Amino acid sequence: MSLDNFERVYENSHFFVEIEESSIPWLKVFAKEKVKELSFLSQEKRLELFNITNVVETTMIEFYKPDKVNIASFGNYVPQVHMHIMARFKEDAFFPEPMWGERQREDKDFRGDFSAFIKKVQEALKSLYP
């Protein structure tokens, strides 16, 4: 599996999940519907977005046992509903700052066996949304 920037690892009729290239485990969940605000999605699609985000987060916690998981939704540069899910570690380059904040220390790779993590996310999502 190539880990190129923005590689899509899961997709269904309403959402897709992409990898954000980083030294930490970081995935993004995008709505296919081109809307700018979460409240513009139907209630069913909002629930599906939160379910997918939850699967990514819980799999991330089980697999990596991070110090914290950050979940963010900005959309200032990409005005399309999407969620960032990031496993954070006290020794990562930016902690306790956000990943868009000021670097605190030298970077090191916290992804470990990232392909195995991705496979677990894919299996969990395919069982929830075949």
N, C-alpha and C. Protein backbone atom coordinates (compact mmCIF):
# COMPACT_ATOMS: atom_id res chain seq x y z
N MET A 1 0.85 -1.18 0.00
CA MET A 1 0.00 0.00 0.00
C MET A 1 0.88 1.24 0.00
N SER A 2 0.64 2.10 -0.94
CA SER A 2 1.35 3.38 -0.97
C SER A 2 0.71 4.32 0.04
N LEU A 3 1.53 5.11 0.71
CA LEU A 3 1.00 6.05 1.69
C LEU A 3 1.14 7.47 1.18
N ASP A 4 0.84 7.67 -0.09
CA ASP A 4 0.92 8.99 -0.69
C ASP A 4 -0.07 9.93 -0.05
N ASN A 5 0.24 11.22 -0.09
CA ASN A 5 -0.65 12.23 0.44
C ASN A 5 -2.05 12.09 -0.16
N PHE A 6 -3.04 12.12 0.69
CA PHE A 6 -4.44 12.09 0.29
C PHE A 6 -4.88 10.77 -0.34
N GLU A 7 -4.25 9.69 0.06
CA GLU A 7 -4.70 8.39 -0.42
C GLU A 7 -6.03 8.06 0.21
N ARG A 8 -6.98 7.66 -0.62
CA ARG A 8 -8.31 7.27 -0.15
C ARG A 8 -8.26 5.83 0.34
N VAL A 9 -8.72 5.60 1.57
CA VAL A 9 -8.65 4.25 2.13
C VAL A 9 -10.02 3.60 2.34
N TYR A 10 -11.08 4.40 2.23
CA TYR A 10 -12.44 3.87 2.37
C TYR A 10 -13.38 4.83 1.64
N GLU A 11 -14.44 4.25 1.09
CA GLU A 11 -15.42 5.08 0.40
C GLU A 11 -16.75 4.36 0.37
N ASN A 12 -17.82 5.13 0.60
CA ASN A 12 -19.17 4.60 0.38
C ASN A 12 -19.93 5.66 -0.40
N SER A 13 -21.24 5.57 -0.46
CA SER A 13 -22.00 6.49 -1.32
C SER A 13 -22.04 7.92 -0.78
N HIS A 14 -21.78 8.13 0.52
CA HIS A 14 -21.87 9.47 1.10
C HIS A 14 -20.55 10.06 1.57
N PHE A 15 -19.56 9.22 1.90
CA PHE A 15 -18.32 9.69 2.53
C PHE A 15 -17.11 8.95 1.99
N PHE A 16 -15.94 9.55 2.18
CA PHE A 16 -14.68 8.84 1.93
C PHE A 16 -13.68 9.24 3.00
N VAL A 17 -12.72 8.35 3.23
CA VAL A 17 -11.69 8.54 4.25
C VAL A 17 -10.35 8.59 3.54
N GLU A 18 -9.56 9.61 3.87
CA GLU A 18 -8.24 9.79 3.27
C GLU A 18 -7.16 9.86 4.34
N ILE A 19 -5.94 9.52 3.93
CA ILE A 19 -4.76 9.66 4.78
C ILE A 19 -4.22 11.08 4.62
N GLU A 20 -3.88 11.70 5.74
CA GLU A 20 -3.13 12.95 5.72
C GLU A 20 -1.67 12.58 5.99
N GLU A 21 -0.80 12.90 5.09
CA GLU A 21 0.62 12.56 5.26
C GLU A 21 1.17 13.33 6.46
N SER A 22 1.67 12.59 7.43
CA SER A 22 2.15 13.18 8.67
C SER A 22 3.00 12.15 9.41
N SER A 23 3.67 12.61 10.44
CA SER A 23 4.44 11.69 11.28
C SER A 23 3.57 11.06 12.37
N ILE A 24 2.33 11.49 12.49
CA ILE A 24 1.38 10.88 13.42
C ILE A 24 0.27 10.20 12.61
N PRO A 25 -0.43 9.23 13.19
CA PRO A 25 -1.59 8.66 12.51
C PRO A 25 -2.67 9.75 12.36
N TRP A 26 -3.07 10.02 11.11
CA TRP A 26 -3.98 11.13 10.84
C TRP A 26 -4.83 10.77 9.64
N LEU A 27 -6.14 10.68 9.86
CA LEU A 27 -7.09 10.41 8.78
C LEU A 27 -8.10 11.54 8.71
N LYS A 28 -8.71 11.69 7.53
CA LYS A 28 -9.74 12.70 7.32
C LYS A 28 -10.97 12.02 6.72
N VAL A 29 -12.14 12.41 7.19
CA VAL A 29 -13.41 11.90 6.67
C VAL A 29 -14.10 13.05 5.94
N PHE A 30 -14.37 12.85 4.65
CA PHE A 30 -15.00 13.87 3.82
C PHE A 30 -16.40 13.48 3.43
N ALA A 31 -17.33 14.44 3.45
CA ALA A 31 -18.65 14.25 2.86
C ALA A 31 -18.50 14.40 1.35
N LYS A 32 -19.15 13.53 0.60
CA LYS A 32 -19.13 13.68 -0.86
C LYS A 32 -20.00 14.84 -1.31
N GLU A 33 -21.04 15.08 -0.54
CA GLU A 33 -21.93 16.20 -0.83
C GLU A 33 -21.15 17.50 -0.61
N LYS A 34 -21.15 18.38 -1.57
CA LYS A 34 -20.35 19.60 -1.51
C LYS A 34 -21.08 20.68 -0.70
N VAL A 35 -21.03 20.52 0.63
CA VAL A 35 -21.63 21.51 1.52
C VAL A 35 -20.54 22.03 2.45
N LYS A 36 -20.69 23.29 2.86
CA LYS A 36 -19.67 23.94 3.69
C LYS A 36 -19.85 23.71 5.17
N GLU A 37 -21.07 23.51 5.61
CA GLU A 37 -21.34 23.43 7.04
C GLU A 37 -21.96 22.10 7.41
N LEU A 38 -21.61 21.62 8.57
CA LEU A 38 -22.12 20.36 9.09
C LEU A 38 -23.65 20.37 9.15
N SER A 39 -24.21 21.49 9.54
CA SER A 39 -25.67 21.59 9.66
C SER A 39 -26.38 21.52 8.31
N PHE A 40 -25.63 21.64 7.20
CA PHE A 40 -26.23 21.53 5.87
C PHE A 40 -26.43 20.08 5.45
N LEU A 41 -25.81 19.14 6.16
CA LEU A 41 -26.03 17.72 5.88
C LEU A 41 -27.35 17.29 6.51
N SER A 42 -27.98 16.29 5.91
CA SER A 42 -29.19 15.74 6.52
C SER A 42 -28.82 15.11 7.86
N GLN A 43 -29.81 14.93 8.71
CA GLN A 43 -29.57 14.30 10.01
C GLN A 43 -28.96 12.91 9.84
N GLU A 44 -29.44 12.16 8.86
CA GLU A 44 -28.92 10.82 8.62
C GLU A 44 -27.44 10.85 8.23
N LYS A 45 -27.09 11.80 7.37
CA LYS A 45 -25.69 11.90 6.95
C LYS A 45 -24.79 12.42 8.07
N ARG A 46 -25.30 13.30 8.90
CA ARG A 46 -24.51 13.75 10.06
C ARG A 46 -24.23 12.58 10.99
N LEU A 47 -25.24 11.76 11.22
CA LEU A 47 -25.06 10.58 12.07
C LEU A 47 -24.03 9.63 11.44
N GLU A 48 -24.12 9.44 10.15
CA GLU A 48 -23.15 8.57 9.46
C GLU A 48 -21.74 9.14 9.57
N LEU A 49 -21.60 10.46 9.41
CA LEU A 49 -20.29 11.11 9.56
C LEU A 49 -19.73 10.86 10.96
N PHE A 50 -20.55 11.04 11.98
CA PHE A 50 -20.09 10.83 13.34
C PHE A 50 -19.78 9.35 13.61
N ASN A 51 -20.55 8.45 13.02
CA ASN A 51 -20.27 7.02 13.18
C ASN A 51 -18.93 6.65 12.55
N ILE A 52 -18.67 7.15 11.35
CA ILE A 52 -17.39 6.88 10.69
C ILE A 52 -16.25 7.48 11.49
N THR A 53 -16.42 8.72 11.95
CA THR A 53 -15.40 9.38 12.77
C THR A 53 -15.14 8.57 14.03
N ASN A 54 -16.19 8.07 14.65
CA ASN A 54 -16.06 7.26 15.86
C ASN A 54 -15.29 5.97 15.60
N VAL A 55 -15.56 5.32 14.48
CA VAL A 55 -14.84 4.09 14.13
C VAL A 55 -13.35 4.39 13.97
N VAL A 56 -13.03 5.47 13.27
CA VAL A 56 -11.62 5.83 13.09
C VAL A 56 -10.99 6.12 14.45
N GLU A 57 -11.67 6.91 15.28
CA GLU A 57 -11.12 7.27 16.58
C GLU A 57 -10.91 6.03 17.46
N THR A 58 -11.92 5.19 17.58
CA THR A 58 -11.78 4.03 18.48
C THR A 58 -10.72 3.05 17.97
N THR A 59 -10.63 2.87 16.67
CA THR A 59 -9.59 2.01 16.10
C THR A 59 -8.22 2.60 16.38
N MET A 60 -8.10 3.92 16.25
CA MET A 60 -6.85 4.62 16.52
C MET A 60 -6.44 4.43 17.99
N ILE A 61 -7.39 4.56 18.89
CA ILE A 61 -7.11 4.40 20.32
C ILE A 61 -6.66 2.96 20.62
N GLU A 62 -7.39 2.00 20.08
CA GLU A 62 -7.05 0.59 20.32
C GLU A 62 -5.69 0.24 19.73
N PHE A 63 -5.40 0.72 18.54
CA PHE A 63 -4.18 0.33 17.83
C PHE A 63 -2.95 1.06 18.37
N TYR A 64 -3.08 2.37 18.59
CA TYR A 64 -1.91 3.19 18.94
C TYR A 64 -1.80 3.54 20.43
N LYS A 65 -2.92 3.50 21.14
CA LYS A 65 -2.92 3.93 22.55
C LYS A 65 -2.26 5.31 22.71
N PRO A 66 -2.76 6.29 21.97
CA PRO A 66 -2.17 7.64 22.04
C PRO A 66 -2.46 8.32 23.37
N ASP A 67 -1.73 9.39 23.64
CA ASP A 67 -2.00 10.19 24.83
C ASP A 67 -3.31 10.96 24.68
N LYS A 68 -3.68 11.28 23.45
CA LYS A 68 -4.90 12.04 23.16
C LYS A 68 -5.26 11.85 21.71
N VAL A 69 -6.53 11.93 21.38
CA VAL A 69 -6.97 11.98 19.99
C VAL A 69 -7.57 13.36 19.77
N ASN A 70 -7.12 14.03 18.71
CA ASN A 70 -7.70 15.31 18.33
C ASN A 70 -8.64 15.10 17.16
N ILE A 71 -9.82 15.70 17.25
CA ILE A 71 -10.78 15.68 16.15
C ILE A 71 -11.10 17.13 15.85
N ALA A 72 -10.97 17.49 14.57
CA ALA A 72 -11.17 18.89 14.19
C ALA A 72 -11.94 18.98 12.89
N SER A 73 -12.68 20.08 12.76
CA SER A 73 -13.40 20.38 11.53
C SER A 73 -13.30 21.88 11.30
N PHE A 74 -12.48 22.27 10.34
CA PHE A 74 -12.31 23.70 10.06
C PHE A 74 -12.95 24.07 8.73
N GLY A 75 -12.36 23.63 7.65
CA GLY A 75 -12.92 23.91 6.34
C GLY A 75 -12.65 25.30 5.82
N ASN A 76 -11.68 26.00 6.39
CA ASN A 76 -11.37 27.34 5.89
C ASN A 76 -10.67 27.29 4.53
N TYR A 77 -9.73 26.36 4.37
CA TYR A 77 -9.04 26.20 3.09
C TYR A 77 -9.80 25.28 2.15
N VAL A 78 -10.45 24.27 2.71
CA VAL A 78 -11.23 23.31 1.94
C VAL A 78 -12.67 23.43 2.43
N PRO A 79 -13.46 24.30 1.80
CA PRO A 79 -14.82 24.55 2.29
C PRO A 79 -15.80 23.43 1.93
N GLN A 80 -15.50 22.25 2.44
CA GLN A 80 -16.34 21.08 2.27
C GLN A 80 -16.33 20.35 3.61
N VAL A 81 -17.46 19.88 4.06
CA VAL A 81 -17.53 19.23 5.36
C VAL A 81 -16.54 18.07 5.42
N HIS A 82 -15.66 18.13 6.42
CA HIS A 82 -14.72 17.04 6.66
C HIS A 82 -14.21 17.11 8.09
N MET A 83 -13.76 15.96 8.57
CA MET A 83 -13.25 15.83 9.94
C MET A 83 -11.81 15.33 9.87
N HIS A 84 -10.95 15.89 10.72
CA HIS A 84 -9.59 15.41 10.90
C HIS A 84 -9.57 14.58 12.18
N ILE A 85 -8.99 13.39 12.13
CA ILE A 85 -8.84 12.55 13.32
C ILE A 85 -7.35 12.24 13.45
N MET A 86 -6.74 12.69 14.57
CA MET A 86 -5.29 12.60 14.74
C MET A 86 -4.94 11.96 16.08
N ALA A 87 -4.08 10.94 16.04
CA ALA A 87 -3.54 10.36 17.28
C ALA A 87 -2.39 11.26 17.72
N ARG A 88 -2.47 11.72 18.96
CA ARG A 88 -1.44 12.64 19.48
C ARG A 88 -0.65 11.96 20.60
N PHE A 89 0.62 12.30 20.63
CA PHE A 89 1.55 11.73 21.60
C PHE A 89 2.32 12.87 22.25
N LYS A 90 2.59 12.74 23.54
CA LYS A 90 3.29 13.80 24.27
C LYS A 90 4.64 14.13 23.65
N GLU A 91 5.23 13.18 22.92
CA GLU A 91 6.53 13.42 22.31
C GLU A 91 6.44 13.79 20.83
N ASP A 92 5.21 13.94 20.27
CA ASP A 92 5.16 14.32 18.86
C ASP A 92 5.64 15.76 18.70
N ALA A 93 5.96 16.14 17.49
CA ALA A 93 6.65 17.40 17.22
C ALA A 93 5.89 18.64 17.68
N PHE A 94 4.56 18.56 17.80
CA PHE A 94 3.78 19.75 18.11
C PHE A 94 3.10 19.72 19.48
N PHE A 95 2.99 18.55 20.09
CA PHE A 95 2.26 18.41 21.36
C PHE A 95 2.84 19.35 22.43
N PRO A 96 2.01 20.07 23.17
CA PRO A 96 0.56 20.02 23.26
C PRO A 96 -0.15 20.96 22.29
N GLU A 97 0.60 21.63 21.43
CA GLU A 97 0.01 22.50 20.41
C GLU A 97 -0.78 21.66 19.40
N PRO A 98 -1.72 22.28 18.67
CA PRO A 98 -2.37 21.56 17.57
C PRO A 98 -1.34 21.31 16.47
N MET A 99 -1.64 20.40 15.59
CA MET A 99 -0.71 20.07 14.50
C MET A 99 -0.45 21.26 13.58
N TRP A 100 -1.28 22.27 13.64
CA TRP A 100 -1.09 23.47 12.84
C TRP A 100 -0.39 24.55 13.66
N GLY A 101 0.01 24.21 14.88
CA GLY A 101 0.60 25.18 15.80
C GLY A 101 2.11 25.28 15.66
N GLU A 102 2.74 25.70 16.73
CA GLU A 102 4.18 25.90 16.75
C GLU A 102 4.89 24.60 17.12
N ARG A 103 5.89 24.26 16.32
CA ARG A 103 6.67 23.05 16.56
C ARG A 103 7.36 23.15 17.91
N GLN A 104 7.29 22.08 18.69
CA GLN A 104 7.86 22.05 20.04
C GLN A 104 9.18 21.28 20.11
N ARG A 105 9.41 20.37 19.17
CA ARG A 105 10.60 19.51 19.23
C ARG A 105 10.82 18.88 17.86
N GLU A 106 11.90 18.15 17.72
CA GLU A 106 12.18 17.43 16.47
C GLU A 106 11.09 16.40 16.19
N ASP A 107 10.88 16.15 14.93
CA ASP A 107 9.85 15.21 14.49
C ASP A 107 10.38 13.78 14.51
N LYS A 108 9.51 12.84 14.86
CA LYS A 108 9.81 11.42 14.67
C LYS A 108 8.51 10.74 14.27
N ASP A 109 8.64 9.57 13.67
CA ASP A 109 7.48 8.88 13.11
C ASP A 109 6.76 8.06 14.19
N PHE A 110 5.49 8.36 14.40
CA PHE A 110 4.66 7.65 15.37
C PHE A 110 3.68 6.69 14.71
N ARG A 111 3.78 6.51 13.38
CA ARG A 111 2.79 5.71 12.67
C ARG A 111 2.99 4.21 12.81
N GLY A 112 4.19 3.77 13.13
CA GLY A 112 4.43 2.33 13.29
C GLY A 112 3.97 1.56 12.07
N ASP A 113 3.24 0.47 12.29
CA ASP A 113 2.72 -0.35 11.18
C ASP A 113 1.41 0.28 10.69
N PHE A 114 1.56 1.39 9.99
CA PHE A 114 0.41 2.17 9.54
C PHE A 114 -0.50 1.36 8.61
N SER A 115 0.09 0.51 7.78
CA SER A 115 -0.72 -0.32 6.87
C SER A 115 -1.64 -1.25 7.66
N ALA A 116 -1.16 -1.80 8.76
CA ALA A 116 -2.00 -2.67 9.60
C ALA A 116 -3.13 -1.87 10.24
N PHE A 117 -2.83 -0.66 10.67
CA PHE A 117 -3.87 0.22 11.22
C PHE A 117 -4.93 0.52 10.17
N ILE A 118 -4.49 0.89 8.97
CA ILE A 118 -5.43 1.20 7.88
C ILE A 118 -6.31 -0.01 7.59
N LYS A 119 -5.73 -1.19 7.58
CA LYS A 119 -6.51 -2.40 7.32
C LYS A 119 -7.59 -2.59 8.39
N LYS A 120 -7.27 -2.33 9.65
CA LYS A 120 -8.25 -2.44 10.73
C LYS A 120 -9.39 -1.42 10.55
N VAL A 121 -9.03 -0.19 10.17
CA VAL A 121 -10.05 0.84 9.91
C VAL A 121 -10.95 0.40 8.76
N GLN A 122 -10.36 -0.08 7.68
CA GLN A 122 -11.15 -0.52 6.53
C GLN A 122 -12.09 -1.65 6.91
N GLU A 123 -11.60 -2.63 7.65
CA GLU A 123 -12.45 -3.76 8.05
C GLU A 123 -13.60 -3.28 8.94
N ALA A 124 -13.31 -2.40 9.88
CA ALA A 124 -14.35 -1.90 10.79
C ALA A 124 -15.40 -1.10 10.02
N LEU A 125 -14.96 -0.26 9.09
CA LEU A 125 -15.92 0.56 8.34
C LEU A 125 -16.73 -0.31 7.38
N LYS A 126 -16.09 -1.28 6.75
CA LYS A 126 -16.83 -2.15 5.82
C LYS A 126 -17.85 -3.01 6.56
N SER A 127 -17.59 -3.36 7.82
CA SER A 127 -18.59 -4.12 8.58
C SER A 127 -19.75 -3.24 9.00
N LEU A 128 -19.48 -1.95 9.24
CA LEU A 128 -20.54 -1.01 9.63
C LEU A 128 -21.34 -0.53 8.41
N TYR A 129 -20.61 -0.21 7.33
CA TYR A 129 -21.23 0.31 6.10
C TYR A 129 -20.70 -0.50 4.91
N PRO A 130 -21.27 -1.70 4.67
CA PRO A 130 -20.76 -2.58 3.58
C PRO A 130 -20.93 -1.97 2.19
